[in-house]
């Protein structure tokens, strides 16, 4: 069966891309961003807080306000943690309900640990 498949030439990826564009969902990058924000709205919020804290922290650094700079850098770290947890939570939430069972997840981990 493998011998019936033609070997790829230099520009086969162009044809593959055209074929995939015909089959795939034709959404613009802006539509994709909006769809992703609607699917998991906490991640863009956390990212915005992170950017805001970083920006104001850098501004405080330039203005030589050390206490505010330190507070903003701590806020930035907290916002990054929130963003990561929101992203992980969104992935877990998007799983089918039968795969979200924490007890099965823990048991499967125990079996792997016990096997070693």
PDB file of N, CA and C in Angstrom:
ATOM      1  N   UNK A   1       0.811  -1.186   0.000  1.00  0.00           N
ATOM      2  CA  UNK A   1       0.000   0.000   0.000  1.00  0.00           C
ATOM      3  C   UNK A   1       0.860   1.258   0.000  1.00  0.00           C
ATOM      4  N   UNK A   2       1.975   1.244   0.734  1.00  0.00           N
ATOM      5  CA  UNK A   2       2.842   2.415   0.809  1.00  0.00           C
ATOM      6  C   UNK A   2       3.496   2.716  -0.535  1.00  0.00           C
ATOM      7  N   UNK A   3       3.672   1.698  -1.356  1.00  0.00           N
ATOM      8  CA  UNK A   3       4.315   1.938  -2.644  1.00  0.00           C
ATOM      9  C   UNK A   3       3.395   2.662  -3.623  1.00  0.00           C
ATOM     10  N   UNK A   4       2.093   2.705  -3.357  1.00  0.00           N
ATOM     11  CA  UNK A   4       1.149   3.401  -4.229  1.00  0.00           C
ATOM     12  C   UNK A   4       1.098   4.899  -3.962  1.00  0.00           C
ATOM     13  N   UNK A   5       1.680   5.353  -2.849  1.00  0.00           N
ATOM     14  CA  UNK A   5       1.656   6.766  -2.495  1.00  0.00           C
ATOM     15  C   UNK A   5       2.802   7.460  -3.215  1.00  0.00           C
ATOM     16  N   UNK A   6       2.490   8.513  -3.993  1.00  0.00           N
ATOM     17  CA  UNK A   6       3.573   9.209  -4.707  1.00  0.00           C
ATOM     18  C   UNK A   6       4.449   9.992  -3.736  1.00  0.00           C
ATOM     19  N   UNK A   7       5.730  10.073  -4.070  1.00  0.00           N
ATOM     20  CA  UNK A   7       6.662  10.826  -3.234  1.00  0.00           C
ATOM     21  C   UNK A   7       6.382  12.323  -3.403  1.00  0.00           C
ATOM     22  N   UNK A   8       6.462  13.069  -2.303  1.00  0.00           N
ATOM     23  CA  UNK A   8       6.194  14.507  -2.408  1.00  0.00           C
ATOM     24  C   UNK A   8       7.303  15.226  -3.163  1.00  0.00           C
ATOM     25  N   UNK A   9       6.894  16.238  -3.883  1.00  0.00           N
ATOM     26  CA  UNK A   9       7.867  17.071  -4.589  1.00  0.00           C
ATOM     27  C   UNK A   9       8.027  18.368  -3.815  1.00  0.00           C
ATOM     28  N   UNK A  10       8.814  19.268  -4.315  1.00  0.00           N
ATOM     29  CA  UNK A  10       9.161  20.482  -3.596  1.00  0.00           C
ATOM     30  C   UNK A  10       7.995  21.373  -3.207  1.00  0.00           C
ATOM     31  N   UNK A  11       6.959  21.455  -4.035  1.00  0.00           N
ATOM     32  CA  UNK A  11       5.874  22.390  -3.754  1.00  0.00           C
ATOM     33  C   UNK A  11       4.543  21.703  -3.477  1.00  0.00           C
ATOM     34  N   UNK A  12       4.584  20.456  -3.045  1.00  0.00           N
ATOM     35  CA  UNK A  12       3.340  19.761  -2.708  1.00  0.00           C
ATOM     36  C   UNK A  12       2.628  20.398  -1.524  1.00  0.00           C
ATOM     37  N   UNK A  13       3.366  21.060  -0.658  1.00  0.00           N
ATOM     38  CA  UNK A  13       2.748  21.687   0.498  1.00  0.00           C
ATOM     39  C   UNK A  13       1.804  22.808   0.086  1.00  0.00           C
ATOM     40  N   UNK A  14       2.064  23.448  -1.067  1.00  0.00           N
ATOM     41  CA  UNK A  14       1.172  24.505  -1.546  1.00  0.00           C
ATOM     42  C   UNK A  14      -0.179  23.902  -1.907  1.00  0.00           C
ATOM     43  N   UNK A  15      -0.175  22.791  -2.624  1.00  0.00           N
ATOM     44  CA  UNK A  15      -1.415  22.118  -2.998  1.00  0.00           C
ATOM     45  C   UNK A  15      -2.136  21.611  -1.752  1.00  0.00           C
ATOM     46  N   UNK A  16      -1.379  21.062  -0.805  1.00  0.00           N
ATOM     47  CA  UNK A  16      -1.977  20.590   0.443  1.00  0.00           C
ATOM     48  C   UNK A  16      -2.644  21.736   1.184  1.00  0.00           C
ATOM     49  N   UNK A  17      -1.996  22.885   1.224  1.00  0.00           N
ATOM     50  CA  UNK A  17      -2.561  24.058   1.898  1.00  0.00           C
ATOM     51  C   UNK A  17      -3.858  24.504   1.216  1.00  0.00           C
ATOM     52  N   UNK A  18      -3.875  24.488  -0.092  1.00  0.00           N
ATOM     53  CA  UNK A  18      -5.089  24.872  -0.815  1.00  0.00           C
ATOM     54  C   UNK A  18      -6.213  23.876  -0.542  1.00  0.00           C
ATOM     55  N   UNK A  19      -5.878  22.589  -0.527  1.00  0.00           N
ATOM     56  CA  UNK A  19      -6.895  21.572  -0.238  1.00  0.00           C
ATOM     57  C   UNK A  19      -7.420  21.716   1.183  1.00  0.00           C
ATOM     58  N   UNK A  20      -6.527  21.990   2.134  1.00  0.00           N
ATOM     59  CA  UNK A  20      -6.948  22.140   3.522  1.00  0.00           C
ATOM     60  C   UNK A  20      -7.803  23.394   3.711  1.00  0.00           C
ATOM     61  N   UNK A  21      -7.498  24.465   2.976  1.00  0.00           N
ATOM     62  CA  UNK A  21      -8.300  25.684   3.080  1.00  0.00           C
ATOM     63  C   UNK A  21      -9.720  25.447   2.594  1.00  0.00           C
ATOM     64  N   UNK A  22      -9.870  24.587   1.591  1.00  0.00           N
ATOM     65  CA  UNK A  22     -11.209  24.273   1.091  1.00  0.00           C
ATOM     66  C   UNK A  22     -12.017  23.510   2.133  1.00  0.00           C
ATOM     67  N   UNK A  23     -11.351  22.676   2.923  1.00  0.00           N
ATOM     68  CA  UNK A  23     -12.033  21.823   3.890  1.00  0.00           C
ATOM     69  C   UNK A  23     -12.195  22.515   5.240  1.00  0.00           C
ATOM     70  N   UNK A  24     -11.205  23.290   5.651  1.00  0.00           N
ATOM     71  CA  UNK A  24     -11.192  23.855   7.001  1.00  0.00           C
ATOM     72  C   UNK A  24     -12.187  25.003   7.148  1.00  0.00           C
ATOM     73  N   UNK A  25     -12.373  25.386   8.409  1.00  0.00           N
ATOM     74  CA  UNK A  25     -13.261  26.489   8.741  1.00  0.00           C
ATOM     75  C   UNK A  25     -12.633  27.796   8.266  1.00  0.00           C
ATOM     76  N   UNK A  26     -13.344  28.548   7.492  1.00  0.00           N
ATOM     77  CA  UNK A  26     -12.809  29.792   6.944  1.00  0.00           C
ATOM     78  C   UNK A  26     -13.214  30.966   7.825  1.00  0.00           C
ATOM     79  N   UNK A  27     -12.521  31.134   8.947  1.00  0.00           N
ATOM     80  CA  UNK A  27     -12.768  32.277   9.803  1.00  0.00           C
ATOM     81  C   UNK A  27     -11.555  33.183   9.772  1.00  0.00           C
ATOM     82  N   UNK A  28     -11.806  34.467   9.885  1.00  0.00           N
ATOM     83  CA  UNK A  28     -10.711  35.430   9.871  1.00  0.00           C
ATOM     84  C   UNK A  28      -9.974  35.362  11.208  1.00  0.00           C
ATOM     85  N   UNK A  29      -8.758  35.881  11.265  1.00  0.00           N
ATOM     86  CA  UNK A  29      -8.040  35.882  12.550  1.00  0.00           C
ATOM     87  C   UNK A  29      -8.813  36.628  13.653  1.00  0.00           C
ATOM     88  N   UNK A  30      -9.474  37.724  13.303  1.00  0.00           N
ATOM     89  CA  UNK A  30     -10.246  38.470  14.285  1.00  0.00           C
ATOM     90  C   UNK A  30     -11.417  37.639  14.806  1.00  0.00           C
ATOM     91  N   UNK A  31     -12.097  36.916  13.909  1.00  0.00           N
ATOM     92  CA  UNK A  31     -13.203  36.038  14.332  1.00  0.00           C
ATOM     93  C   UNK A  31     -12.693  34.931  15.253  1.00  0.00           C
ATOM     94  N   UNK A  32     -11.517  34.416  14.957  1.00  0.00           N
ATOM     95  CA  UNK A  32     -10.934  33.359  15.793  1.00  0.00           C
ATOM     96  C   UNK A  32     -10.606  33.890  17.183  1.00  0.00           C
ATOM     97  N   UNK A  33     -10.044  35.107  17.256  1.00  0.00           N
ATOM     98  CA  UNK A  33      -9.737  35.705  18.557  1.00  0.00           C
ATOM     99  C   UNK A  33     -11.013  35.903  19.359  1.00  0.00           C
ATOM    100  N   UNK A  34     -12.058  36.423  18.722  1.00  0.00           N
ATOM    101  CA  UNK A  34     -13.325  36.631  19.419  1.00  0.00           C
ATOM    102  C   UNK A  34     -13.925  35.312  19.895  1.00  0.00           C
ATOM    103  N   UNK A  35     -13.835  34.268  19.061  1.00  0.00           N
ATOM    104  CA  UNK A  35     -14.368  32.961  19.450  1.00  0.00           C
ATOM    105  C   UNK A  35     -13.614  32.404  20.656  1.00  0.00           C
ATOM    106  N   UNK A  36     -12.287  32.517  20.637  1.00  0.00           N
ATOM    107  CA  UNK A  36     -11.490  32.028  21.752  1.00  0.00           C
ATOM    108  C   UNK A  36     -11.782  32.810  23.035  1.00  0.00           C
ATOM    109  N   UNK A  37     -12.004  34.130  22.919  1.00  0.00           N
ATOM    110  CA  UNK A  37     -12.326  34.940  24.095  1.00  0.00           C
ATOM    111  C   UNK A  37     -13.691  34.571  24.667  1.00  0.00           C
ATOM    112  N   UNK A  38     -14.625  34.206  23.804  1.00  0.00           N
ATOM    113  CA  UNK A  38     -15.939  33.794  24.286  1.00  0.00           C
ATOM    114  C   UNK A  38     -15.874  32.410  24.935  1.00  0.00           C
ATOM    115  N   UNK A  39     -15.014  31.538  24.426  1.00  0.00           N
ATOM    116  CA  UNK A  39     -14.886  30.194  24.990  1.00  0.00           C
ATOM    117  C   UNK A  39     -14.263  30.227  26.384  1.00  0.00           C
ATOM    118  N   UNK A  40     -13.286  31.104  26.606  1.00  0.00           N
ATOM    119  CA  UNK A  40     -12.602  31.180  27.894  1.00  0.00           C
ATOM    120  C   UNK A  40     -12.328  32.649  28.215  1.00  0.00           C
ATOM    121  N   UNK A  41     -13.329  33.364  28.738  1.00  0.00           N
ATOM    122  CA  UNK A  41     -13.181  34.817  28.913  1.00  0.00           C
ATOM    123  C   UNK A  41     -12.227  35.233  30.028  1.00  0.00           C
ATOM    124  N   UNK A  42     -11.857  34.348  30.924  1.00  0.00           N
ATOM    125  CA  UNK A  42     -10.971  34.735  32.019  1.00  0.00           C
ATOM    126  C   UNK A  42      -9.518  34.905  31.571  1.00  0.00           C
ATOM    127  N   UNK A  43      -9.117  34.197  30.540  1.00  0.00           N
ATOM    128  CA  UNK A  43      -7.722  34.275  30.090  1.00  0.00           C
ATOM    129  C   UNK A  43      -7.395  35.661  29.530  1.00  0.00           C
ATOM    130  N   UNK A  44      -8.194  36.234  28.632  1.00  0.00           N
ATOM    131  CA  UNK A  44      -7.864  37.591  28.168  1.00  0.00           C
ATOM    132  C   UNK A  44      -7.918  38.624  29.293  1.00  0.00           C
ATOM    133  N   UNK A  45      -8.831  38.447  30.240  1.00  0.00           N
ATOM    134  CA  UNK A  45      -8.876  39.358  31.378  1.00  0.00           C
ATOM    135  C   UNK A  45      -7.618  39.280  32.214  1.00  0.00           C
ATOM    136  N   UNK A  46      -7.160  38.061  32.497  1.00  0.00           N
ATOM    137  CA  UNK A  46      -5.918  37.883  33.250  1.00  0.00           C
ATOM    138  C   UNK A  46      -4.721  38.436  32.502  1.00  0.00           C
ATOM    139  N   UNK A  47      -4.722  38.249  31.192  1.00  0.00           N
ATOM    140  CA  UNK A  47      -3.620  38.778  30.388  1.00  0.00           C
ATOM    141  C   UNK A  47      -3.627  40.304  30.401  1.00  0.00           C
ATOM    142  N   UNK A  48      -4.810  40.907  30.355  1.00  0.00           N
ATOM    143  CA  UNK A  48      -4.906  42.370  30.391  1.00  0.00           C
ATOM    144  C   UNK A  48      -4.424  42.913  31.741  1.00  0.00           C
ATOM    145  N   UNK A  49      -4.795  42.243  32.830  1.00  0.00           N
ATOM    146  CA  UNK A  49      -4.326  42.670  34.145  1.00  0.00           C
ATOM    147  C   UNK A  49      -2.808  42.521  34.241  1.00  0.00           C
ATOM    148  N   UNK A  50      -2.278  41.444  33.684  1.00  0.00           N
ATOM    149  CA  UNK A  50      -0.832  41.228  33.689  1.00  0.00           C
ATOM    150  C   UNK A  50      -0.117  42.347  32.947  1.00  0.00           C
ATOM    151  N   UNK A  51      -0.611  42.680  31.774  1.00  0.00           N
ATOM    152  CA  UNK A  51       0.020  43.740  30.973  1.00  0.00           C
ATOM    153  C   UNK A  51      -0.101  45.085  31.680  1.00  0.00           C
ATOM    154  N   UNK A  52      -1.269  45.338  32.269  1.00  0.00           N
ATOM    155  CA  UNK A  52      -1.445  46.595  32.991  1.00  0.00           C
ATOM    156  C   UNK A  52      -0.506  46.716  34.178  1.00  0.00           C
ATOM    157  N   UNK A  53      -0.373  45.641  34.966  1.00  0.00           N
ATOM    158  CA  UNK A  53       0.523  45.668  36.123  1.00  0.00           C
ATOM    159  C   UNK A  53       1.973  45.810  35.679  1.00  0.00           C
ATOM    160  N   UNK A  54       2.344  45.130  34.611  1.00  0.00           N
ATOM    161  CA  UNK A  54       3.712  45.246  34.105  1.00  0.00           C
ATOM    162  C   UNK A  54       3.987  46.665  33.618  1.00  0.00           C
ATOM    163  N   UNK A  55       3.053  47.225  32.878  1.00  0.00           N
ATOM    164  CA  UNK A  55       3.250  48.577  32.346  1.00  0.00           C
ATOM    165  C   UNK A  55       3.366  49.599  33.460  1.00  0.00           C
ATOM    166  N   UNK A  56       2.450  49.536  34.424  1.00  0.00           N
ATOM    167  CA  UNK A  56       2.500  50.507  35.513  1.00  0.00           C
ATOM    168  C   UNK A  56       3.720  50.274  36.405  1.00  0.00           C
ATOM    169  N   UNK A  57       4.126  49.013  36.548  1.00  0.00           N
ATOM    170  CA  UNK A  57       5.340  48.717  37.300  1.00  0.00           C
ATOM    171  C   UNK A  57       6.572  49.288  36.632  1.00  0.00           C
ATOM    172  N   UNK A  58       6.639  49.183  35.317  1.00  0.00           N
ATOM    173  CA  UNK A  58       7.772  49.771  34.599  1.00  0.00           C
ATOM    174  C   UNK A  58       7.740  51.293  34.673  1.00  0.00           C
ATOM    175  N   UNK A  59       6.549  51.862  34.593  1.00  0.00           N
ATOM    176  CA  UNK A  59       6.416  53.316  34.744  1.00  0.00           C
ATOM    177  C   UNK A  59       6.889  53.748  36.133  1.00  0.00           C
ATOM    178  N   UNK A  60       6.499  52.991  37.150  1.00  0.00           N
ATOM    179  CA  UNK A  60       6.931  53.301  38.515  1.00  0.00           C
ATOM    180  C   UNK A  60       8.440  53.165  38.653  1.00  0.00           C
ATOM    181  N   UNK A  61       9.015  52.224  37.950  1.00  0.00           N
ATOM    182  CA  UNK A  61      10.468  52.051  37.969  1.00  0.00           C
ATOM    183  C   UNK A  61      11.157  53.289  37.385  1.00  0.00           C
ATOM    184  N   UNK A  62      10.630  53.766  36.265  1.00  0.00           N
ATOM    185  CA  UNK A  62      11.221  54.945  35.622  1.00  0.00           C
ATOM    186  C   UNK A  62      11.059  56.177  36.511  1.00  0.00           C
ATOM    187  N   UNK A  63       9.914  56.283  37.192  1.00  0.00           N
ATOM    188  CA  UNK A  63       9.657  57.429  38.068  1.00  0.00           C
ATOM    189  C   UNK A  63      10.303  57.267  39.453  1.00  0.00           C
ATOM    190  N   UNK A  64      11.006  56.167  39.672  1.00  0.00           N
ATOM    191  CA  UNK A  64      11.728  55.879  40.909  1.00  0.00           C
ATOM    192  C   UNK A  64      10.798  55.799  42.124  1.00  0.00           C
ATOM    193  N   UNK A  65       9.643  55.151  41.917  1.00  0.00           N
ATOM    194  CA  UNK A  65       8.721  54.885  43.022  1.00  0.00           C
ATOM    195  C   UNK A  65       8.827  53.399  43.340  1.00  0.00           C
ATOM    196  N   UNK A  66       9.746  53.068  44.192  1.00  0.00           N
ATOM    197  CA  UNK A  66      10.116  51.680  44.436  1.00  0.00           C
ATOM    198  C   UNK A  66       9.004  50.851  45.074  1.00  0.00           C
ATOM    199  N   UNK A  67       8.280  51.422  46.013  1.00  0.00           N
ATOM    200  CA  UNK A  67       7.218  50.646  46.662  1.00  0.00           C
ATOM    201  C   UNK A  67       6.112  50.284  45.675  1.00  0.00           C
ATOM    202  N   UNK A  68       5.708  51.232  44.851  1.00  0.00           N
ATOM    203  CA  UNK A  68       4.655  50.949  43.873  1.00  0.00           C
ATOM    204  C   UNK A  68       5.157  49.962  42.829  1.00  0.00           C
ATOM    205  N   UNK A  69       6.412  50.100  42.437  1.00  0.00           N
ATOM    206  CA  UNK A  69       6.981  49.157  41.476  1.00  0.00           C
ATOM    207  C   UNK A  69       6.938  47.750  42.039  1.00  0.00           C
ATOM    208  N   UNK A  70       7.304  47.593  43.303  1.00  0.00           N
ATOM    209  CA  UNK A  70       7.313  46.275  43.931  1.00  0.00           C
ATOM    210  C   UNK A  70       5.893  45.703  44.009  1.00  0.00           C
ATOM    211  N   UNK A  71       4.930  46.538  44.352  1.00  0.00           N
ATOM    212  CA  UNK A  71       3.530  46.088  44.412  1.00  0.00           C
ATOM    213  C   UNK A  71       3.040  45.640  43.034  1.00  0.00           C
ATOM    214  N   UNK A  72       3.385  46.389  42.013  1.00  0.00           N
ATOM    215  CA  UNK A  72       2.924  46.051  40.660  1.00  0.00           C
ATOM    216  C   UNK A  72       3.577  44.761  40.153  1.00  0.00           C
ATOM    217  N   UNK A  73       4.833  44.544  40.505  1.00  0.00           N
ATOM    218  CA  UNK A  73       5.484  43.306  40.077  1.00  0.00           C
ATOM    219  C   UNK A  73       4.875  42.101  40.795  1.00  0.00           C
ATOM    220  N   UNK A  74       4.483  42.277  42.039  1.00  0.00           N
ATOM    221  CA  UNK A  74       3.801  41.196  42.755  1.00  0.00           C
ATOM    222  C   UNK A  74       2.416  40.960  42.168  1.00  0.00           C
ATOM    223  N   UNK A  75       1.733  42.046  41.838  1.00  0.00           N
ATOM    224  CA  UNK A  75       0.429  41.906  41.181  1.00  0.00           C
ATOM    225  C   UNK A  75       0.581  41.195  39.840  1.00  0.00           C
ATOM    226  N   UNK A  76       1.633  41.514  39.122  1.00  0.00           N
ATOM    227  CA  UNK A  76       1.871  40.863  37.822  1.00  0.00           C
ATOM    228  C   UNK A  76       2.030  39.359  37.988  1.00  0.00           C
ATOM    229  N   UNK A  77       2.799  38.942  38.988  1.00  0.00           N
ATOM    230  CA  UNK A  77       2.998  37.514  39.226  1.00  0.00           C
ATOM    231  C   UNK A  77       1.670  36.849  39.586  1.00  0.00           C
ATOM    232  N   UNK A  78       0.882  37.501  40.428  1.00  0.00           N
ATOM    233  CA  UNK A  78      -0.432  36.962  40.778  1.00  0.00           C
ATOM    234  C   UNK A  78      -1.355  36.876  39.575  1.00  0.00           C
ATOM    235  N   UNK A  79      -1.304  37.898  38.722  1.00  0.00           N
ATOM    236  CA  UNK A  79      -2.144  37.886  37.523  1.00  0.00           C
ATOM    237  C   UNK A  79      -1.695  36.787  36.555  1.00  0.00           C
ATOM    238  N   UNK A  80      -0.399  36.557  36.468  1.00  0.00           N
ATOM    239  CA  UNK A  80       0.086  35.468  35.616  1.00  0.00           C
ATOM    240  C   UNK A  80      -0.387  34.124  36.148  1.00  0.00           C
ATOM    241  N   UNK A  81      -0.339  33.942  37.458  1.00  0.00           N
ATOM    242  CA  UNK A  81      -0.829  32.710  38.059  1.00  0.00           C
ATOM    243  C   UNK A  81      -2.314  32.532  37.766  1.00  0.00           C
ATOM    244  N   UNK A  82      -3.089  33.601  37.928  1.00  0.00           N
ATOM    245  CA  UNK A  82      -4.517  33.545  37.623  1.00  0.00           C
ATOM    246  C   UNK A  82      -4.755  33.161  36.163  1.00  0.00           C
ATOM    247  N   UNK A  83      -3.981  33.747  35.250  1.00  0.00           N
ATOM    248  CA  UNK A  83      -4.146  33.465  33.829  1.00  0.00           C
ATOM    249  C   UNK A  83      -3.845  32.009  33.514  1.00  0.00           C
ATOM    250  N   UNK A  84      -2.796  31.472  34.103  1.00  0.00           N
ATOM    251  CA  UNK A  84      -2.444  30.064  33.877  1.00  0.00           C
ATOM    252  C   UNK A  84      -3.529  29.153  34.430  1.00  0.00           C
ATOM    253  N   UNK A  85      -4.001  29.446  35.646  1.00  0.00           N
ATOM    254  CA  UNK A  85      -5.066  28.627  36.225  1.00  0.00           C
ATOM    255  C   UNK A  85      -6.354  28.727  35.411  1.00  0.00           C
ATOM    256  N   UNK A  86      -6.642  29.904  34.882  1.00  0.00           N
ATOM    257  CA  UNK A  86      -7.840  30.072  34.050  1.00  0.00           C
ATOM    258  C   UNK A  86      -7.709  29.271  32.759  1.00  0.00           C
ATOM    259  N   UNK A  87      -6.520  29.263  32.171  1.00  0.00           N
ATOM    260  CA  UNK A  87      -6.309  28.499  30.939  1.00  0.00           C
ATOM    261  C   UNK A  87      -6.448  27.002  31.202  1.00  0.00           C
ATOM    262  N   UNK A  88      -5.833  26.524  32.286  1.00  0.00           N
ATOM    263  CA  UNK A  88      -5.937  25.101  32.627  1.00  0.00           C
ATOM    264  C   UNK A  88      -7.382  24.745  32.958  1.00  0.00           C
ATOM    265  N   UNK A  89      -8.052  25.616  33.713  1.00  0.00           N
ATOM    266  CA  UNK A  89      -9.458  25.384  34.035  1.00  0.00           C
ATOM    267  C   UNK A  89     -10.328  25.345  32.790  1.00  0.00           C
ATOM    268  N   UNK A  90     -10.032  26.203  31.822  1.00  0.00           N
ATOM    269  CA  UNK A  90     -10.780  26.194  30.566  1.00  0.00           C
ATOM    270  C   UNK A  90     -10.581  24.914  29.784  1.00  0.00           C
ATOM    271  N   UNK A  91      -9.355  24.401  29.802  1.00  0.00           N
ATOM    272  CA  UNK A  91      -9.089  23.136  29.106  1.00  0.00           C
ATOM    273  C   UNK A  91      -9.833  21.993  29.796  1.00  0.00           C
ATOM    274  N   UNK A  92      -9.783  21.956  31.127  1.00  0.00           N
ATOM    275  CA  UNK A  92     -10.480  20.897  31.860  1.00  0.00           C
ATOM    276  C   UNK A  92     -11.980  21.001  31.643  1.00  0.00           C
ATOM    277  N   UNK A  93     -12.503  22.224  31.647  1.00  0.00           N
ATOM    278  CA  UNK A  93     -13.944  22.424  31.442  1.00  0.00           C
ATOM    279  C   UNK A  93     -14.377  22.003  30.044  1.00  0.00           C
ATOM    280  N   UNK A  94     -13.481  22.156  29.062  1.00  0.00           N
ATOM    281  CA  UNK A  94     -13.843  21.805  27.690  1.00  0.00           C
ATOM    282  C   UNK A  94     -13.803  20.289  27.445  1.00  0.00           C
ATOM    283  N   UNK A  95     -13.245  19.527  28.392  1.00  0.00           N
ATOM    284  CA  UNK A  95     -13.236  18.074  28.247  1.00  0.00           C
ATOM    285  C   UNK A  95     -14.655  17.527  28.375  1.00  0.00           C
ATOM    286  N   UNK A  96     -14.919  16.385  27.762  1.00  0.00           N
ATOM    287  CA  UNK A  96     -16.219  15.755  27.972  1.00  0.00           C
ATOM    288  C   UNK A  96     -16.403  15.412  29.448  1.00  0.00           C
ATOM    289  N   UNK A  97     -17.638  15.448  29.964  1.00  0.00           N
ATOM    290  CA  UNK A  97     -17.861  15.213  31.396  1.00  0.00           C
ATOM    291  C   UNK A  97     -17.311  13.880  31.899  1.00  0.00           C
ATOM    292  N   UNK A  98     -17.334  12.845  31.084  1.00  0.00           N
ATOM    293  CA  UNK A  98     -16.842  11.548  31.560  1.00  0.00           C
ATOM    294  C   UNK A  98     -15.324  11.532  31.736  1.00  0.00           C
ATOM    295  N   UNK A  99     -14.612  12.484  31.140  1.00  0.00           N
ATOM    296  CA  UNK A  99     -13.159  12.544  31.300  1.00  0.00           C
ATOM    297  C   UNK A  99     -12.737  13.534  32.372  1.00  0.00           C
ATOM    298  N   UNK A 100     -13.696  14.227  32.998  1.00  0.00           N
ATOM    299  CA  UNK A 100     -13.383  15.222  34.016  1.00  0.00           C
ATOM    300  C   UNK A 100     -13.336  14.646  35.423  1.00  0.00           C
ATOM    301  N   UNK A 101     -13.564  13.364  35.593  1.00  0.00           N
ATOM    302  CA  UNK A 101     -13.653  12.761  36.915  1.00  0.00           C
ATOM    303  C   UNK A 101     -12.281  12.760  37.576  1.00  0.00           C
ATOM    304  N   UNK A 102     -12.138  13.509  38.653  1.00  0.00           N
ATOM    305  CA  UNK A 102     -10.853  13.639  39.333  1.00  0.00           C
ATOM    306  C   UNK A 102     -10.422  12.330  39.983  1.00  0.00           C
ATOM    307  N   UNK A 103     -11.379  11.547  40.494  1.00  0.00           N
ATOM    308  CA  UNK A 103     -11.023  10.285  41.138  1.00  0.00           C
ATOM    309  C   UNK A 103     -10.388   9.314  40.143  1.00  0.00           C
ATOM    310  N   UNK A 104     -10.919   9.241  38.923  1.00  0.00           N
ATOM    311  CA  UNK A 104     -10.309   8.378  37.912  1.00  0.00           C
ATOM    312  C   UNK A 104      -8.905   8.864  37.557  1.00  0.00           C
ATOM    313  N   UNK A 105      -8.748  10.173  37.508  1.00  0.00           N
ATOM    314  CA  UNK A 105      -7.438  10.732  37.194  1.00  0.00           C
ATOM    315  C   UNK A 105      -6.421  10.361  38.273  1.00  0.00           C
ATOM    316  N   UNK A 106      -6.829  10.464  39.532  1.00  0.00           N
ATOM    317  CA  UNK A 106      -5.928  10.131  40.636  1.00  0.00           C
ATOM    318  C   UNK A 106      -5.626   8.635  40.634  1.00  0.00           C
ATOM    319  N   UNK A 107      -6.646   7.804  40.409  1.00  0.00           N
ATOM    320  CA  UNK A 107      -6.423   6.357  40.382  1.00  0.00           C
ATOM    321  C   UNK A 107      -5.487   5.959  39.255  1.00  0.00           C
ATOM    322  N   UNK A 108      -5.657   6.561  38.083  1.00  0.00           N
ATOM    323  CA  UNK A 108      -4.772   6.214  36.972  1.00  0.00           C
ATOM    324  C   UNK A 108      -3.337   6.616  37.302  1.00  0.00           C
ATOM    325  N   UNK A 109      -3.149   7.708  38.019  1.00  0.00           N
ATOM    326  CA  UNK A 109      -1.810   8.108  38.448  1.00  0.00           C
ATOM    327  C   UNK A 109      -1.227   7.132  39.445  1.00  0.00           C
ATOM    328  N   UNK A 110      -2.079   6.590  40.330  1.00  0.00           N
ATOM    329  CA  UNK A 110      -1.590   5.622  41.304  1.00  0.00           C
ATOM    330  C   UNK A 110      -1.139   4.341  40.621  1.00  0.00           C
ATOM    331  N   UNK A 111      -1.873   3.931  39.582  1.00  0.00           N
ATOM    332  CA  UNK A 111      -1.470   2.714  38.877  1.00  0.00           C
ATOM    333  C   UNK A 111      -0.137   2.881  38.202  1.00  0.00           C
ATOM    334  N   UNK A 112       0.105   4.028  37.636  1.00  0.00           N
ATOM    335  CA  UNK A 112       1.388   4.280  36.982  1.00  0.00           C
ATOM    336  C   UNK A 112       2.504   4.299  38.017  1.00  0.00           C
ATOM    337  N   UNK A 113       2.252   4.904  39.165  1.00  0.00           N
ATOM    338  CA  UNK A 113       3.271   4.960  40.214  1.00  0.00           C
ATOM    339  C   UNK A 113       3.516   3.565  40.780  1.00  0.00           C
ATOM    340  N   UNK A 114       2.442   2.769  40.997  1.00  0.00           N
ATOM    341  CA  UNK A 114       2.598   1.439  41.541  1.00  0.00           C
ATOM    342  C   UNK A 114       3.322   0.504  40.579  1.00  0.00           C
ATOM    343  N   UNK A 115       3.192   0.729  39.276  1.00  0.00           N
ATOM    344  CA  UNK A 115       3.805  -0.159  38.289  1.00  0.00           C
ATOM    345  C   UNK A 115       5.325  -0.042  38.296  1.00  0.00           C
ATOM    346  N   UNK A 116       5.861   1.063  38.773  1.00  0.00           N
ATOM    347  CA  UNK A 116       7.316   1.251  38.742  1.00  0.00           C
ATOM    348  C   UNK A 116       7.971   0.600  39.879  1.00  0.00           C
TER     349      UNK A 116
END
